[in-house]
């Protein structure tokens, strides 16, 4: 009995570690704040969702989406304390909120800006996650 419990526990841990994850690694010398966006399609909600800020210290790798990756594409916008940005060319624009942490449903809808001076559109970069496999995106100082 103890042997089967041990085997089950080990296989459960192995499965958890093998699940796909979206991670970000900060390879620059300043902390980086990251916002992510993705399209959600569930019984309760369908639309664009954005959330942030996830602070990643220099040399740190942080999981922003744990567990199975439901989608093949995700989007991100990042900024560092020196004013550097990792942004897209304007093709994928989503709403972020300056300052505090945020979660915004319908992050591509203008009505989300009404009455909130801290919200604005930012151009996000697209990242494809092949086969929904674990993926680590490295933020470097050369990007802009």
Foldseek 3Di string as FASTA:
>chain_A
DVVVVVVVVVVVVVVQVFFAFEKEFEQDQFKKWKKKKDFDDDPVDTAIKIWDTDIAHHGGMDTPGGGFDPDFKMWMWMATPVGDIAFDPPPDKFKDFPDDIDMDGNRVDPVVPPPHPRIDITGIDMDGHPPSGHDYHYDDPPHD
